[in-house]
Amino acid sequence: MPKLSKTQQNKYRPVLLNILRQLGVKLERLEDSVLLGASDSGPDDGEDSSAEGYSRDFQLGLIENEEDILKSTNEALTRIENSEFGACLECEELIPPRRLEVVPYAAYCIGCQSLFEKGELEID
């Protein structure tokens, strides 16, 4: 299985740690916003209520997305610790450095990720 050198892998550690810091702040703000919105809701007043419901659902979706990135980032840091970072978890080929520059927590190469998104590959 091809893999990045330890030096190449370690250059992504500070990038991933920075993502974790930023996500922590974002998640805290989003959660506060959702909680504030929930406490502000009063009696059901039709249109306003449905708009608030949509906004709350949207914010909850953002929180879920950020939590997925948080999980992926933590998993990427674990792969660095285990000297496995940079190899696709499916086909075990090297993830192109350009992909890692854009999505440093990527666990799959572009081909495997594309197959997964089309429903042609099942990823845990």
PDB file of N, CA and C in Angstrom:
ATOM      1  N   MET A   1       0.846  -1.176   0.000  1.00  0.00           N
ATOM      2  CA  MET A   1       0.000   0.000   0.000  1.00  0.00           C
ATOM      3  C   MET A   1       0.892   1.240   0.000  1.00  0.00           C
ATOM      4  N   PRO A   2       0.707   2.123  -0.964  1.00  0.00           N
ATOM      5  CA  PRO A   2       1.498   3.365  -0.978  1.00  0.00           C
ATOM      6  C   PRO A   2       1.069   4.257   0.186  1.00  0.00           C
ATOM      7  N   LYS A   3       2.017   5.013   0.709  1.00  0.00           N
ATOM      8  CA  LYS A   3       1.644   5.939   1.774  1.00  0.00           C
ATOM      9  C   LYS A   3       2.566   7.138   1.787  1.00  0.00           C
ATOM     10  N   LEU A   4       2.081   8.182   2.438  1.00  0.00           N
ATOM     11  CA  LEU A   4       2.871   9.392   2.585  1.00  0.00           C
ATOM     12  C   LEU A   4       3.962   9.138   3.623  1.00  0.00           C
ATOM     13  N   SER A   5       5.084   9.856   3.476  1.00  0.00           N
ATOM     14  CA  SER A   5       6.137   9.759   4.485  1.00  0.00           C
ATOM     15  C   SER A   5       5.626  10.352   5.792  1.00  0.00           C
ATOM     16  N   LYS A   6       6.286  10.017   6.888  1.00  0.00           N
ATOM     17  CA  LYS A   6       5.901  10.546   8.198  1.00  0.00           C
ATOM     18  C   LYS A   6       5.943  12.083   8.172  1.00  0.00           C
ATOM     19  N   THR A   7       6.959  12.648   7.508  1.00  0.00           N
ATOM     20  CA  THR A   7       7.075  14.112   7.404  1.00  0.00           C
ATOM     21  C   THR A   7       5.890  14.687   6.639  1.00  0.00           C
ATOM     22  N   GLN A   8       5.515  14.045   5.525  1.00  0.00           N
ATOM     23  CA  GLN A   8       4.372  14.515   4.740  1.00  0.00           C
ATOM     24  C   GLN A   8       3.086  14.419   5.563  1.00  0.00           C
ATOM     25  N   GLN A   9       2.925  13.318   6.301  1.00  0.00           N
ATOM     26  CA  GLN A   9       1.734  13.146   7.124  1.00  0.00           C
ATOM     27  C   GLN A   9       1.661  14.211   8.217  1.00  0.00           C
ATOM     28  N   ASN A  10       2.796  14.462   8.855  1.00  0.00           N
ATOM     29  CA  ASN A  10       2.820  15.393   9.981  1.00  0.00           C
ATOM     30  C   ASN A  10       2.555  16.837   9.581  1.00  0.00           C
ATOM     31  N   LYS A  11       2.744  17.179   8.305  1.00  0.00           N
ATOM     32  CA  LYS A  11       2.460  18.560   7.893  1.00  0.00           C
ATOM     33  C   LYS A  11       0.960  18.855   7.950  1.00  0.00           C
ATOM     34  N   TYR A  12       0.134  17.807   7.962  1.00  0.00           N
ATOM     35  CA  TYR A  12      -1.314  17.992   8.030  1.00  0.00           C
ATOM     36  C   TYR A  12      -1.820  18.108   9.468  1.00  0.00           C
ATOM     37  N   ARG A  13      -1.016  17.707  10.450  1.00  0.00           N
ATOM     38  CA  ARG A  13      -1.448  17.748  11.851  1.00  0.00           C
ATOM     39  C   ARG A  13      -1.896  19.156  12.271  1.00  0.00           C
ATOM     40  N   PRO A  14      -1.062  20.217  12.074  1.00  0.00           N
ATOM     41  CA  PRO A  14      -1.515  21.546  12.501  1.00  0.00           C
ATOM     42  C   PRO A  14      -2.751  22.028  11.739  1.00  0.00           C
ATOM     43  N   VAL A  15      -2.875  21.627  10.492  1.00  0.00           N
ATOM     44  CA  VAL A  15      -4.052  22.002   9.697  1.00  0.00           C
ATOM     45  C   VAL A  15      -5.299  21.380  10.316  1.00  0.00           C
ATOM     46  N   LEU A  16      -5.203  20.095  10.655  1.00  0.00           N
ATOM     47  CA  LEU A  16      -6.339  19.385  11.251  1.00  0.00           C
ATOM     48  C   LEU A  16      -6.674  19.927  12.639  1.00  0.00           C
ATOM     49  N   LEU A  17      -5.656  20.232  13.422  1.00  0.00           N
ATOM     50  CA  LEU A  17      -5.895  20.800  14.755  1.00  0.00           C
ATOM     51  C   LEU A  17      -6.572  22.164  14.654  1.00  0.00           C
ATOM     52  N   ASN A  18      -6.205  22.941  13.658  1.00  0.00           N
ATOM     53  CA  ASN A  18      -6.855  24.233  13.442  1.00  0.00           C
ATOM     54  C   ASN A  18      -8.324  24.049  13.059  1.00  0.00           C
ATOM     55  N   ILE A  19      -8.600  23.050  12.248  1.00  0.00           N
ATOM     56  CA  ILE A  19      -9.996  22.751  11.886  1.00  0.00           C
ATOM     57  C   ILE A  19     -10.788  22.418  13.144  1.00  0.00           C
ATOM     58  N   LEU A  20     -10.200  21.622  14.043  1.00  0.00           N
ATOM     59  CA  LEU A  20     -10.887  21.274  15.288  1.00  0.00           C
ATOM     60  C   LEU A  20     -11.203  22.519  16.118  1.00  0.00           C
ATOM     61  N   ARG A  21     -10.257  23.427  16.216  1.00  0.00           N
ATOM     62  CA  ARG A  21     -10.483  24.667  16.973  1.00  0.00           C
ATOM     63  C   ARG A  21     -11.625  25.474  16.351  1.00  0.00           C
ATOM     64  N   GLN A  22     -11.581  25.638  15.046  1.00  0.00           N
ATOM     65  CA  GLN A  22     -12.621  26.419  14.364  1.00  0.00           C
ATOM     66  C   GLN A  22     -13.992  25.766  14.507  1.00  0.00           C
ATOM     67  N   LEU A  23     -14.029  24.443  14.389  1.00  0.00           N
ATOM     68  CA  LEU A  23     -15.305  23.737  14.514  1.00  0.00           C
ATOM     69  C   LEU A  23     -15.879  23.873  15.919  1.00  0.00           C
ATOM     70  N   GLY A  24     -15.017  23.858  16.915  1.00  0.00           N
ATOM     71  CA  GLY A  24     -15.488  24.015  18.287  1.00  0.00           C
ATOM     72  C   GLY A  24     -16.226  25.322  18.469  1.00  0.00           C
ATOM     73  N   VAL A  25     -15.663  26.396  17.932  1.00  0.00           N
ATOM     74  CA  VAL A  25     -16.295  27.715  18.035  1.00  0.00           C
ATOM     75  C   VAL A  25     -17.600  27.731  17.246  1.00  0.00           C
ATOM     76  N   LYS A  26     -17.568  27.206  16.022  1.00  0.00           N
ATOM     77  CA  LYS A  26     -18.767  27.192  15.178  1.00  0.00           C
ATOM     78  C   LYS A  26     -19.894  26.401  15.835  1.00  0.00           C
ATOM     79  N   LEU A  27     -19.559  25.211  16.329  1.00  0.00           N
ATOM     80  CA  LEU A  27     -20.585  24.365  16.936  1.00  0.00           C
ATOM     81  C   LEU A  27     -21.189  25.034  18.162  1.00  0.00           C
ATOM     82  N   GLU A  28     -20.359  25.662  18.963  1.00  0.00           N
ATOM     83  CA  GLU A  28     -20.869  26.348  20.153  1.00  0.00           C
ATOM     84  C   GLU A  28     -21.851  27.441  19.762  1.00  0.00           C
ATOM     85  N   ARG A  29     -21.505  28.224  18.743  1.00  0.00           N
ATOM     86  CA  ARG A  29     -22.391  29.307  18.294  1.00  0.00           C
ATOM     87  C   ARG A  29     -23.693  28.759  17.715  1.00  0.00           C
ATOM     88  N   LEU A  30     -23.582  27.709  16.898  1.00  0.00           N
ATOM     89  CA  LEU A  30     -24.787  27.126  16.310  1.00  0.00           C
ATOM     90  C   LEU A  30     -25.705  26.549  17.389  1.00  0.00           C
ATOM     91  N   GLU A  31     -25.116  25.844  18.332  1.00  0.00           N
ATOM     92  CA  GLU A  31     -25.928  25.251  19.400  1.00  0.00           C
ATOM     93  C   GLU A  31     -26.582  26.342  20.237  1.00  0.00           C
ATOM     94  N   ASP A  32     -25.846  27.398  20.550  1.00  0.00           N
ATOM     95  CA  ASP A  32     -26.423  28.521  21.301  1.00  0.00           C
ATOM     96  C   ASP A  32     -27.584  29.139  20.524  1.00  0.00           C
ATOM     97  N   SER A  33     -27.406  29.279  19.227  1.00  0.00           N
ATOM     98  CA  SER A  33     -28.442  29.874  18.384  1.00  0.00           C
ATOM     99  C   SER A  33     -29.707  29.017  18.387  1.00  0.00           C
ATOM    100  N   VAL A  34     -29.536  27.705  18.281  1.00  0.00           N
ATOM    101  CA  VAL A  34     -30.688  26.807  18.284  1.00  0.00           C
ATOM    102  C   VAL A  34     -31.377  26.855  19.638  1.00  0.00           C
ATOM    103  N   LEU A  35     -30.598  26.828  20.711  1.00  0.00           N
ATOM    104  CA  LEU A  35     -31.184  26.876  22.050  1.00  0.00           C
ATOM    105  C   LEU A  35     -31.905  28.197  22.299  1.00  0.00           C
ATOM    106  N   LEU A  36     -31.317  29.293  21.835  1.00  0.00           N
ATOM    107  CA  LEU A  36     -31.953  30.606  21.980  1.00  0.00           C
ATOM    108  C   LEU A  36     -33.271  30.646  21.219  1.00  0.00           C
ATOM    109  N   GLY A  37     -33.266  30.097  20.011  1.00  0.00           N
ATOM    110  CA  GLY A  37     -34.482  30.063  19.195  1.00  0.00           C
ATOM    111  C   GLY A  37     -35.567  29.239  19.848  1.00  0.00           C
ATOM    112  N   ALA A  38     -35.180  28.141  20.488  1.00  0.00           N
ATOM    113  CA  ALA A  38     -36.155  27.279  21.149  1.00  0.00           C
ATOM    114  C   ALA A  38     -36.776  27.983  22.350  1.00  0.00           C
ATOM    115  N   SER A  39     -35.973  28.757  23.077  1.00  0.00           N
ATOM    116  CA  SER A  39     -36.503  29.432  24.258  1.00  0.00           C
ATOM    117  C   SER A  39     -37.339  30.657  23.880  1.00  0.00           C
ATOM    118  N   ASP A  40     -37.122  31.199  22.682  1.00  0.00           N
ATOM    119  CA  ASP A  40     -37.879  32.369  22.239  1.00  0.00           C
ATOM    120  C   ASP A  40     -39.238  32.009  21.665  1.00  0.00           C
ATOM    121  N   SER A  41     -39.438  30.741  21.341  1.00  0.00           N
ATOM    122  CA  SER A  41     -40.683  30.363  20.678  1.00  0.00           C
ATOM    123  C   SER A  41     -41.852  30.480  21.647  1.00  0.00           C
ATOM    124  N   GLY A  42     -42.873  31.122  21.158  1.00  0.00           N
ATOM    125  CA  GLY A  42     -44.066  31.344  21.965  1.00  0.00           C
ATOM    126  C   GLY A  42     -45.219  30.555  21.392  1.00  0.00           C
ATOM    127  N   PRO A  43     -46.415  31.084  21.519  1.00  0.00           N
ATOM    128  CA  PRO A  43     -47.582  30.401  20.971  1.00  0.00           C
ATOM    129  C   PRO A  43     -47.494  30.273  19.452  1.00  0.00           C
ATOM    130  N   ASP A  44     -48.139  29.264  18.927  1.00  0.00           N
ATOM    131  CA  ASP A  44     -48.118  28.997  17.490  1.00  0.00           C
ATOM    132  C   ASP A  44     -48.816  30.135  16.753  1.00  0.00           C
ATOM    133  N   ASP A  45     -48.071  30.822  15.880  1.00  0.00           N
ATOM    134  CA  ASP A  45     -48.666  31.913  15.125  1.00  0.00           C
ATOM    135  C   ASP A  45     -48.475  31.737  13.623  1.00  0.00           C
ATOM    136  N   GLY A  46     -48.742  30.533  13.141  1.00  0.00           N
ATOM    137  CA  GLY A  46     -48.811  30.262  11.716  1.00  0.00           C
ATOM    138  C   GLY A  46     -47.515  30.384  10.959  1.00  0.00           C
ATOM    139  N   GLU A  47     -47.469  31.387  10.038  1.00  0.00           N
ATOM    140  CA  GLU A  47     -46.322  31.554   9.159  1.00  0.00           C
ATOM    141  C   GLU A  47     -45.009  31.726   9.905  1.00  0.00           C
ATOM    142  N   ASP A  48     -45.004  32.540  10.942  1.00  0.00           N
ATOM    143  CA  ASP A  48     -43.785  32.754  11.709  1.00  0.00           C
ATOM    144  C   ASP A  48     -43.288  31.443  12.285  1.00  0.00           C
ATOM    145  N   SER A  49     -44.215  30.625  12.721  1.00  0.00           N
ATOM    146  CA  SER A  49     -43.860  29.341  13.314  1.00  0.00           C
ATOM    147  C   SER A  49     -43.199  28.417  12.296  1.00  0.00           C
ATOM    148  N   SER A  50     -43.718  28.374  11.078  1.00  0.00           N
ATOM    149  CA  SER A  50     -43.126  27.499  10.069  1.00  0.00           C
ATOM    150  C   SER A  50     -41.758  28.012   9.628  1.00  0.00           C
ATOM    151  N   ALA A  51     -41.594  29.321   9.562  1.00  0.00           N
ATOM    152  CA  ALA A  51     -40.288  29.900   9.219  1.00  0.00           C
ATOM    153  C   ALA A  51     -39.276  29.598  10.317  1.00  0.00           C
ATOM    154  N   GLU A  52     -39.707  29.707  11.568  1.00  0.00           N
ATOM    155  CA  GLU A  52     -38.822  29.386  12.689  1.00  0.00           C
ATOM    156  C   GLU A  52     -38.465  27.903  12.675  1.00  0.00           C
ATOM    157  N   GLY A  53     -39.425  27.068  12.331  1.00  0.00           N
ATOM    158  CA  GLY A  53     -39.180  25.627  12.255  1.00  0.00           C
ATOM    159  C   GLY A  53     -38.175  25.296  11.170  1.00  0.00           C
ATOM    160  N   TYR A  54     -38.315  25.953  10.028  1.00  0.00           N
ATOM    161  CA  TYR A  54     -37.364  25.747   8.933  1.00  0.00           C
ATOM    162  C   TYR A  54     -35.971  26.195   9.355  1.00  0.00           C
ATOM    163  N   SER A  55     -35.895  27.367   9.980  1.00  0.00           N
ATOM    164  CA  SER A  55     -34.608  27.898  10.423  1.00  0.00           C
ATOM    165  C   SER A  55     -33.963  26.956  11.430  1.00  0.00           C
ATOM    166  N   ARG A  56     -34.744  26.464  12.351  1.00  0.00           N
ATOM    167  CA  ARG A  56     -34.227  25.529  13.364  1.00  0.00           C
ATOM    168  C   ARG A  56     -33.740  24.243  12.700  1.00  0.00           C
ATOM    169  N   ASP A  57     -34.526  23.701  11.766  1.00  0.00           N
ATOM    170  CA  ASP A  57     -34.120  22.484  11.053  1.00  0.00           C
ATOM    171  C   ASP A  57     -32.834  22.717  10.271  1.00  0.00           C
ATOM    172  N   PHE A  58     -32.735  23.887   9.651  1.00  0.00           N
ATOM    173  CA  PHE A  58     -31.542  24.234   8.895  1.00  0.00           C
ATOM    174  C   PHE A  58     -30.329  24.277   9.819  1.00  0.00           C
ATOM    175  N   GLN A  59     -30.472  24.934  10.961  1.00  0.00           N
ATOM    176  CA  GLN A  59     -29.382  25.034  11.927  1.00  0.00           C
ATOM    177  C   GLN A  59     -29.000  23.660  12.471  1.00  0.00           C
ATOM    178  N   LEU A  60     -29.981  22.817  12.733  1.00  0.00           N
ATOM    179  CA  LEU A  60     -29.688  21.464  13.206  1.00  0.00           C
ATOM    180  C   LEU A  60     -28.941  20.670  12.133  1.00  0.00           C
ATOM    181  N   GLY A  61     -29.285  20.890  10.863  1.00  0.00           N
ATOM    182  CA  GLY A  61     -28.558  20.259   9.762  1.00  0.00           C
ATOM    183  C   GLY A  61     -27.116  20.724   9.707  1.00  0.00           C
ATOM    184  N   LEU A  62     -26.911  22.023   9.930  1.00  0.00           N
ATOM    185  CA  LEU A  62     -25.541  22.556   9.965  1.00  0.00           C
ATOM    186  C   LEU A  62     -24.744  21.937  11.107  1.00  0.00           C
ATOM    187  N   ILE A  63     -25.373  21.802  12.263  1.00  0.00           N
ATOM    188  CA  ILE A  63     -24.700  21.196  13.414  1.00  0.00           C
ATOM    189  C   ILE A  63     -24.304  19.766  13.083  1.00  0.00           C
ATOM    190  N   GLU A  64     -25.224  19.022  12.473  1.00  0.00           N
ATOM    191  CA  GLU A  64     -24.930  17.632  12.110  1.00  0.00           C
ATOM    192  C   GLU A  64     -23.762  17.557  11.130  1.00  0.00           C
ATOM    193  N   ASN A  65     -23.734  18.447  10.145  1.00  0.00           N
ATOM    194  CA  ASN A  65     -22.648  18.487   9.167  1.00  0.00           C
ATOM    195  C   ASN A  65     -21.316  18.804   9.846  1.00  0.00           C
ATOM    196  N   GLU A  66     -21.326  19.801  10.732  1.00  0.00           N
ATOM    197  CA  GLU A  66     -20.102  20.177  11.445  1.00  0.00           C
ATOM    198  C   GLU A  66     -19.622  19.035  12.338  1.00  0.00           C
ATOM    199  N   GLU A  67     -20.550  18.308  12.941  1.00  0.00           N
ATOM    200  CA  GLU A  67     -20.173  17.171  13.785  1.00  0.00           C
ATOM    201  C   GLU A  67     -19.549  16.054  12.945  1.00  0.00           C
ATOM    202  N   ASP A  68     -20.048  15.868  11.725  1.00  0.00           N
ATOM    203  CA  ASP A  68     -19.447  14.876  10.812  1.00  0.00           C
ATOM    204  C   ASP A  68     -18.016  15.272  10.465  1.00  0.00           C
ATOM    205  N   ILE A  69     -17.801  16.553  10.201  1.00  0.00           N
ATOM    206  CA  ILE A  69     -16.440  17.028   9.891  1.00  0.00           C
ATOM    207  C   ILE A  69     -15.541  16.867  11.113  1.00  0.00           C
ATOM    208  N   LEU A  70     -16.075  17.154  12.281  1.00  0.00           N
ATOM    209  CA  LEU A  70     -15.326  16.980  13.525  1.00  0.00           C
ATOM    210  C   LEU A  70     -14.879  15.529  13.684  1.00  0.00           C
ATOM    211  N   LYS A  71     -15.796  14.612  13.457  1.00  0.00           N
ATOM    212  CA  LYS A  71     -15.481  13.177  13.557  1.00  0.00           C
ATOM    213  C   LYS A  71     -14.420  12.793  12.529  1.00  0.00           C
ATOM    214  N   SER A  72     -14.589  13.231  11.287  1.00  0.00           N
ATOM    215  CA  SER A  72     -13.632  12.913  10.224  1.00  0.00           C
ATOM    216  C   SER A  72     -12.248  13.483  10.526  1.00  0.00           C
ATOM    217  N   THR A  73     -12.220  14.676  11.116  1.00  0.00           N
ATOM    218  CA  THR A  73     -10.950  15.308  11.461  1.00  0.00           C
ATOM    219  C   THR A  73     -10.246  14.530  12.564  1.00  0.00           C
ATOM    220  N   ASN A  74     -10.992  14.131  13.579  1.00  0.00           N
ATOM    221  CA  ASN A  74     -10.403  13.309  14.648  1.00  0.00           C
ATOM    222  C   ASN A  74      -9.886  11.975  14.107  1.00  0.00           C
ATOM    223  N   GLU A  75     -10.624  11.376  13.192  1.00  0.00           N
ATOM    224  CA  GLU A  75     -10.190  10.118  12.583  1.00  0.00           C
ATOM    225  C   GLU A  75      -8.920  10.322  11.761  1.00  0.00           C
ATOM    226  N   ALA A  76      -8.816  11.461  11.074  1.00  0.00           N
ATOM    227  CA  ALA A  76      -7.614  11.768  10.291  1.00  0.00           C
ATOM    228  C   ALA A  76      -6.406  11.917  11.211  1.00  0.00           C
ATOM    229  N   LEU A  77      -6.583  12.558  12.357  1.00  0.00           N
ATOM    230  CA  LEU A  77      -5.485  12.682  13.325  1.00  0.00           C
ATOM    231  C   LEU A  77      -5.057  11.311  13.844  1.00  0.00           C
ATOM    232  N   THR A  78      -6.009  10.428  14.044  1.00  0.00           N
ATOM    233  CA  THR A  78      -5.687   9.050  14.466  1.00  0.00           C
ATOM    234  C   THR A  78      -4.898   8.338  13.377  1.00  0.00           C
ATOM    235  N   ARG A  79      -5.281   8.552  12.105  1.00  0.00           N
ATOM    236  CA  ARG A  79      -4.541   7.922  11.005  1.00  0.00           C
ATOM    237  C   ARG A  79      -3.108   8.452  10.940  1.00  0.00           C
ATOM    238  N   ILE A  80      -2.904   9.726  11.276  1.00  0.00           N
ATOM    239  CA  ILE A  80      -1.537  10.261  11.326  1.00  0.00           C
ATOM    240  C   ILE A  80      -0.764   9.542  12.424  1.00  0.00           C
ATOM    241  N   GLU A  81      -1.379   9.399  13.594  1.00  0.00           N
ATOM    242  CA  GLU A  81      -0.720   8.719  14.722  1.00  0.00           C
ATOM    243  C   GLU A  81      -0.338   7.283  14.359  1.00  0.00           C
ATOM    244  N   ASN A  82      -1.171   6.641  13.550  1.00  0.00           N
ATOM    245  CA  ASN A  82      -0.937   5.240  13.156  1.00  0.00           C
ATOM    246  C   ASN A  82      -0.151   5.113  11.856  1.00  0.00           C
ATOM    247  N   SER A  83       0.353   6.237  11.343  1.00  0.00           N
ATOM    248  CA  SER A  83       1.099   6.283  10.076  1.00  0.00           C
ATOM    249  C   SER A  83       0.294   5.721   8.907  1.00  0.00           C
ATOM    250  N   GLU A  84      -1.011   5.962   8.904  1.00  0.00           N
ATOM    251  CA  GLU A  84      -1.900   5.483   7.841  1.00  0.00           C
ATOM    252  C   GLU A  84      -2.518   6.625   7.047  1.00  0.00           C
ATOM    253  N   PHE A  85      -2.191   7.853   7.410  1.00  0.00           N
ATOM    254  CA  PHE A  85      -2.808   9.022   6.785  1.00  0.00           C
ATOM    255  C   PHE A  85      -2.368   9.145   5.330  1.00  0.00           C
ATOM    256  N   GLY A  86      -3.315   9.484   4.471  1.00  0.00           N
ATOM    257  CA  GLY A  86      -3.008   9.738   3.069  1.00  0.00           C
ATOM    258  C   GLY A  86      -3.354   8.591   2.139  1.00  0.00           C
ATOM    259  N   ALA A  87      -3.706   7.431   2.696  1.00  0.00           N
ATOM    260  CA  ALA A  87      -4.103   6.288   1.875  1.00  0.00           C
ATOM    261  C   ALA A  87      -5.623   6.142   1.944  1.00  0.00           C
ATOM    262  N   CYS A  88      -6.238   5.886   0.813  1.00  0.00           N
ATOM    263  CA  CYS A  88      -7.689   5.683   0.742  1.00  0.00           C
ATOM    264  C   CYS A  88      -8.070   4.469   1.586  1.00  0.00           C
ATOM    265  N   LEU A  89      -9.078   4.610   2.414  1.00  0.00           N
ATOM    266  CA  LEU A  89      -9.511   3.510   3.267  1.00  0.00           C
ATOM    267  C   LEU A  89     -10.197   2.390   2.480  1.00  0.00           C
ATOM    268  N   GLU A  90     -10.587   2.672   1.263  1.00  0.00           N
ATOM    269  CA  GLU A  90     -11.264   1.662   0.450  1.00  0.00           C
ATOM    270  C   GLU A  90     -10.281   0.923  -0.468  1.00  0.00           C
ATOM    271  N   CYS A  91      -9.639   1.646  -1.367  1.00  0.00           N
ATOM    272  CA  CYS A  91      -8.770   1.001  -2.364  1.00  0.00           C
ATOM    273  C   CYS A  91      -7.301   0.992  -1.947  1.00  0.00           C
ATOM    274  N   GLU A  92      -6.982   1.715  -0.876  1.00  0.00           N
ATOM    275  CA  GLU A  92      -5.643   1.797  -0.312  1.00  0.00           C
ATOM    276  C   GLU A  92      -4.631   2.530  -1.198  1.00  0.00           C
ATOM    277  N   GLU A  93      -5.119   3.183  -2.256  1.00  0.00           N
ATOM    278  CA  GLU A  93      -4.243   4.008  -3.086  1.00  0.00           C
ATOM    279  C   GLU A  93      -4.010   5.339  -2.390  1.00  0.00           C
ATOM    280  N   LEU A  94      -2.970   6.027  -2.809  1.00  0.00           N
ATOM    281  CA  LEU A  94      -2.648   7.321  -2.234  1.00  0.00           C
ATOM    282  C   LEU A  94      -3.720   8.346  -2.596  1.00  0.00           C
ATOM    283  N   ILE A  95      -4.176   9.089  -1.614  1.00  0.00           N
ATOM    284  CA  ILE A  95      -5.103  10.193  -1.879  1.00  0.00           C
ATOM    285  C   ILE A  95      -4.260  11.332  -2.442  1.00  0.00           C
ATOM    286  N   PRO A  96      -4.634  11.883  -3.592  1.00  0.00           N
ATOM    287  CA  PRO A  96      -3.822  12.944  -4.194  1.00  0.00           C
ATOM    288  C   PRO A  96      -3.612  14.118  -3.229  1.00  0.00           C
ATOM    289  N   PRO A  97      -2.389  14.627  -3.152  1.00  0.00           N
ATOM    290  CA  PRO A  97      -2.103  15.758  -2.259  1.00  0.00           C
ATOM    291  C   PRO A  97      -3.020  16.956  -2.495  1.00  0.00           C
ATOM    292  N   ARG A  98      -3.420  17.188  -3.737  1.00  0.00           N
ATOM    293  CA  ARG A  98      -4.331  18.323  -4.005  1.00  0.00           C
ATOM    294  C   ARG A  98      -5.666  18.122  -3.303  1.00  0.00           C
ATOM    295  N   ARG A  99      -6.136  16.874  -3.240  1.00  0.00           N
ATOM    296  CA  ARG A  99      -7.386  16.588  -2.520  1.00  0.00           C
ATOM    297  C   ARG A  99      -7.197  16.848  -1.027  1.00  0.00           C
ATOM    298  N   LEU A 100      -6.067  16.420  -0.489  1.00  0.00           N
ATOM    299  CA  LEU A 100      -5.802  16.619   0.935  1.00  0.00           C
ATOM    300  C   LEU A 100      -5.627  18.100   1.275  1.00  0.00           C
ATOM    301  N   GLU A 101      -5.173  18.888   0.312  1.00  0.00           N
ATOM    302  CA  GLU A 101      -5.067  20.326   0.547  1.00  0.00           C
ATOM    303  C   GLU A 101      -6.449  20.957   0.692  1.00  0.00           C
ATOM    304  N   VAL A 102      -7.412  20.451  -0.068  1.00  0.00           N
ATOM    305  CA  VAL A 102      -8.765  20.991  -0.043  1.00  0.00           C
ATOM    306  C   VAL A 102      -9.577  20.382   1.101  1.00  0.00           C
ATOM    307  N   VAL A 103      -9.447  19.064   1.278  1.00  0.00           N
ATOM    308  CA  VAL A 103     -10.178  18.335   2.315  1.00  0.00           C
ATOM    309  C   VAL A 103      -9.155  17.530   3.120  1.00  0.00           C
ATOM    310  N   PRO A 104      -8.470  18.165   4.056  1.00  0.00           N
ATOM    311  CA  PRO A 104      -7.372  17.485   4.752  1.00  0.00           C
ATOM    312  C   PRO A 104      -7.811  16.284   5.593  1.00  0.00           C
ATOM    313  N   TYR A 105      -9.092  16.168   5.868  1.00  0.00           N
ATOM    314  CA  TYR A 105      -9.595  15.037   6.644  1.00  0.00           C
ATOM    315  C   TYR A 105     -10.156  13.933   5.742  1.00  0.00           C
ATOM    316  N   ALA A 106      -9.934  14.050   4.427  1.00  0.00           N
ATOM    317  CA  ALA A 106     -10.459  13.063   3.483  1.00  0.00           C
ATOM    318  C   ALA A 106      -9.917  11.675   3.802  1.00  0.00           C
ATOM    319  N   ALA A 107     -10.808  10.702   3.795  1.00  0.00           N
ATOM    320  CA  ALA A 107     -10.419   9.320   4.072  1.00  0.00           C
ATOM    321  C   ALA A 107     -10.430   8.469   2.797  1.00  0.00           C
ATOM    322  N   TYR A 108     -10.985   9.036   1.724  1.00  0.00           N
ATOM    323  CA  TYR A 108     -11.135   8.278   0.487  1.00  0.00           C
ATOM    324  C   TYR A 108     -10.615   9.090  -0.696  1.00  0.00           C
ATOM    325  N   CYS A 109     -10.089   8.393  -1.682  1.00  0.00           N
ATOM    326  CA  CYS A 109      -9.649   9.053  -2.906  1.00  0.00           C
ATOM    327  C   CYS A 109     -10.886   9.569  -3.649  1.00  0.00           C
ATOM    328  N   ILE A 110     -10.682  10.369  -4.642  1.00  0.00           N
ATOM    329  CA  ILE A 110     -11.796  10.966  -5.385  1.00  0.00           C
ATOM    330  C   ILE A 110     -12.653   9.883  -6.049  1.00  0.00           C
ATOM    331  N   GLY A 111     -12.011   8.870  -6.606  1.00  0.00           N
ATOM    332  CA  GLY A 111     -12.748   7.802  -7.286  1.00  0.00           C
ATOM    333  C   GLY A 111     -13.676   7.051  -6.353  1.00  0.00           C
ATOM    334  N   CYS A 112     -13.167   6.638  -5.200  1.00  0.00           N
ATOM    335  CA  CYS A 112     -13.987   5.896  -4.234  1.00  0.00           C
ATOM    336  C   CYS A 112     -15.077   6.789  -3.650  1.00  0.00           C
ATOM    337  N   GLN A 113     -14.770   8.040  -3.369  1.00  0.00           N
ATOM    338  CA  GLN A 113     -15.762   8.972  -2.843  1.00  0.00           C
ATOM    339  C   GLN A 113     -16.876   9.184  -3.863  1.00  0.00           C
ATOM    340  N   SER A 114     -16.503   9.300  -5.134  1.00  0.00           N
ATOM    341  CA  SER A 114     -17.481   9.491  -6.201  1.00  0.00           C
ATOM    342  C   SER A 114     -18.405   8.271  -6.323  1.00  0.00           C
ATOM    343  N   LEU A 115     -17.821   7.076  -6.274  1.00  0.00           N
ATOM    344  CA  LEU A 115     -18.631   5.848  -6.333  1.00  0.00           C
ATOM    345  C   LEU A 115     -19.599   5.782  -5.155  1.00  0.00           C
ATOM    346  N   PHE A 116     -19.130   6.162  -3.973  1.00  0.00           N
ATOM    347  CA  PHE A 116     -19.981   6.167  -2.780  1.00  0.00           C
ATOM    348  C   PHE A 116     -21.149   7.132  -2.965  1.00  0.00           C
ATOM    349  N   GLU A 117     -20.856   8.326  -3.459  1.00  0.00           N
ATOM    350  CA  GLU A 117     -21.914   9.332  -3.640  1.00  0.00           C
ATOM    351  C   GLU A 117     -22.927   8.918  -4.688  1.00  0.00           C
ATOM    352  N   LYS A 118     -22.530   8.099  -5.654  1.00  0.00           N
ATOM    353  CA  LYS A 118     -23.451   7.588  -6.667  1.00  0.00           C
ATOM    354  C   LYS A 118     -24.217   6.372  -6.175  1.00  0.00           C
ATOM    355  N   GLY A 119     -23.868   5.877  -4.988  1.00  0.00           N
ATOM    356  CA  GLY A 119     -24.507   4.695  -4.436  1.00  0.00           C
ATOM    357  C   GLY A 119     -23.934   3.394  -4.964  1.00  0.00           C
ATOM    358  N   GLU A 120     -22.776   3.464  -5.609  1.00  0.00           N
ATOM    359  CA  GLU A 120     -22.160   2.276  -6.205  1.00  0.00           C
ATOM    360  C   GLU A 120     -21.117   1.634  -5.301  1.00  0.00           C
ATOM    361  N   LEU A 121     -20.894   2.226  -4.117  1.00  0.00           N
ATOM    362  CA  LEU A 121     -19.914   1.714  -3.185  1.00  0.00           C
ATOM    363  C   LEU A 121     -20.441   1.925  -1.790  1.00  0.00           C
ATOM    364  N   GLU A 122     -20.357   0.902  -0.969  1.00  0.00           N
ATOM    365  CA  GLU A 122     -20.814   1.016   0.405  1.00  0.00           C
ATOM    366  C   GLU A 122     -19.619   1.243   1.312  1.00  0.00           C
ATOM    367  N   ILE A 123     -19.629   2.360   2.013  1.00  0.00           N
ATOM    368  CA  ILE A 123     -18.539   2.717   2.927  1.00  0.00           C
ATOM    369  C   ILE A 123     -19.114   2.720   4.337  1.00  0.00           C
ATOM    370  N   ASP A 124     -18.374   2.175   5.272  1.00  0.00           N
ATOM    371  CA  ASP A 124     -18.842   2.124   6.665  1.00  0.00           C
ATOM    372  C   ASP A 124     -19.104   3.473   7.210  1.00  0.00           C
TER     373      ASP A 124
END
